[in-house]
Amino acid sequence: MYPKEQLWQEMTFLSYYLHWPREEVMKLDHLERRRWCREVSEVNRKLNGPDKQNKIELK
């Protein structure tokens, strides 16, 4: 089973940055949700520089 804490972190991250409601985030499968988290993190890194922590660490 997917770690509950990590699921909540990913959901919160996407909801915050993309303004997606819970229902939309929950429709994403695991791989797609992680891909969105990586993409949003990369955009934040490019906009804010590597020293900012506006990203989610995926394990």
C-alpha atoms as a PDB file:
ATOM      1  CA  MET A   1       0.000   0.000   0.000  1.00  0.00           C
ATOM      2  CA  TYR A   2       1.141   3.537  -0.777  1.00  0.00           C
ATOM      3  CA  PRO A   3       2.269   5.455   2.350  1.00  0.00           C
ATOM      4  CA  LYS A   4      -0.613   7.570   3.573  1.00  0.00           C
ATOM      5  CA  GLU A   5       1.628  10.466   4.653  1.00  0.00           C
ATOM      6  CA  GLN A   6       3.233  10.693   1.222  1.00  0.00           C
ATOM      7  CA  LEU A   7      -0.161  10.643  -0.466  1.00  0.00           C
ATOM      8  CA  TRP A   8      -1.276  13.585   1.679  1.00  0.00           C
ATOM      9  CA  GLN A   9       1.932  15.498   0.903  1.00  0.00           C
ATOM     10  CA  GLU A  10       1.468  15.035  -2.834  1.00  0.00           C
ATOM     11  CA  MET A  11      -2.201  15.981  -2.666  1.00  0.00           C
ATOM     12  CA  THR A  12      -1.467  19.097  -0.627  1.00  0.00           C
ATOM     13  CA  PHE A  13       1.371  20.121  -2.927  1.00  0.00           C
ATOM     14  CA  LEU A  14      -0.713  19.839  -6.097  1.00  0.00           C
ATOM     15  CA  SER A  15      -3.777  21.441  -4.548  1.00  0.00           C
ATOM     16  CA  TYR A  16      -1.721  24.369  -3.314  1.00  0.00           C
ATOM     17  CA  TYR A  17       0.251  25.054  -6.476  1.00  0.00           C
ATOM     18  CA  LEU A  18      -2.324  24.121  -9.118  1.00  0.00           C
ATOM     19  CA  HIS A  19      -5.459  25.036  -7.146  1.00  0.00           C
ATOM     20  CA  TRP A  20      -6.980  21.665  -7.918  1.00  0.00           C
ATOM     21  CA  PRO A  21      -9.737  20.398  -5.637  1.00  0.00           C
ATOM     22  CA  ARG A  22      -9.244  17.188  -3.685  1.00  0.00           C
ATOM     23  CA  GLU A  23     -11.521  15.250  -6.015  1.00  0.00           C
ATOM     24  CA  GLU A  24      -9.411  16.092  -9.062  1.00  0.00           C
ATOM     25  CA  VAL A  25      -6.145  15.182  -7.363  1.00  0.00           C
ATOM     26  CA  MET A  26      -7.595  11.880  -6.165  1.00  0.00           C
ATOM     27  CA  LYS A  27      -8.578  10.972  -9.732  1.00  0.00           C
ATOM     28  CA  LEU A  28      -4.902  10.869 -10.694  1.00  0.00           C
ATOM     29  CA  ASP A  29      -3.189   7.528 -10.524  1.00  0.00           C
ATOM     30  CA  HIS A  30      -0.018   7.186  -8.501  1.00  0.00           C
ATOM     31  CA  LEU A  31       2.448   7.674 -11.372  1.00  0.00           C
ATOM     32  CA  GLU A  32       0.599  10.600 -12.858  1.00  0.00           C
ATOM     33  CA  ARG A  33       0.346  12.365  -9.480  1.00  0.00           C
ATOM     34  CA  ARG A  34       4.077  11.914  -8.881  1.00  0.00           C
ATOM     35  CA  ARG A  35       4.829  13.204 -12.374  1.00  0.00           C
ATOM     36  CA  TRP A  36       2.788  16.357 -11.716  1.00  0.00           C
ATOM     37  CA  CYS A  37       4.669  16.880  -8.436  1.00  0.00           C
ATOM     38  CA  ARG A  38       8.014  16.601 -10.233  1.00  0.00           C
ATOM     39  CA  GLU A  39       6.942  18.989 -12.982  1.00  0.00           C
ATOM     40  CA  VAL A  40       5.633  21.627 -10.552  1.00  0.00           C
ATOM     41  CA  SER A  41       8.823  21.298  -8.488  1.00  0.00           C
ATOM     42  CA  GLU A  42      10.928  21.844 -11.606  1.00  0.00           C
ATOM     43  CA  VAL A  43       8.976  24.970 -12.568  1.00  0.00           C
ATOM     44  CA  ASN A  44       9.438  26.328  -9.037  1.00  0.00           C
ATOM     45  CA  ARG A  45      13.151  25.539  -9.146  1.00  0.00           C
ATOM     46  CA  LYS A  46      13.561  27.426 -12.430  1.00  0.00           C
ATOM     47  CA  LEU A  47      11.558  30.420 -11.229  1.00  0.00           C
ATOM     48  CA  ASN A  48      13.001  30.659  -7.721  1.00  0.00           C
ATOM     49  CA  GLY A  49      16.480  29.228  -8.096  1.00  0.00           C
ATOM     50  CA  PRO A  50      17.888  26.046  -6.572  1.00  0.00           C
ATOM     51  CA  ASP A  51      18.161  27.525  -3.058  1.00  0.00           C
ATOM     52  CA  LYS A  52      14.395  27.795  -2.573  1.00  0.00           C
ATOM     53  CA  GLN A  53      12.509  24.846  -1.112  1.00  0.00           C
ATOM     54  CA  ASN A  54       9.296  25.153  -3.147  1.00  0.00           C
ATOM     55  CA  LYS A  55       9.341  21.512  -4.129  1.00  0.00           C
ATOM     56  CA  ILE A  56       8.286  18.142  -2.858  1.00  0.00           C
ATOM     57  CA  GLU A  57      10.895  15.458  -2.262  1.00  0.00           C
ATOM     58  CA  LEU A  58       9.667  12.235  -3.824  1.00  0.00           C
ATOM     59  CA  LYS A  59      11.032   8.992  -2.443  1.00  0.00           C
END
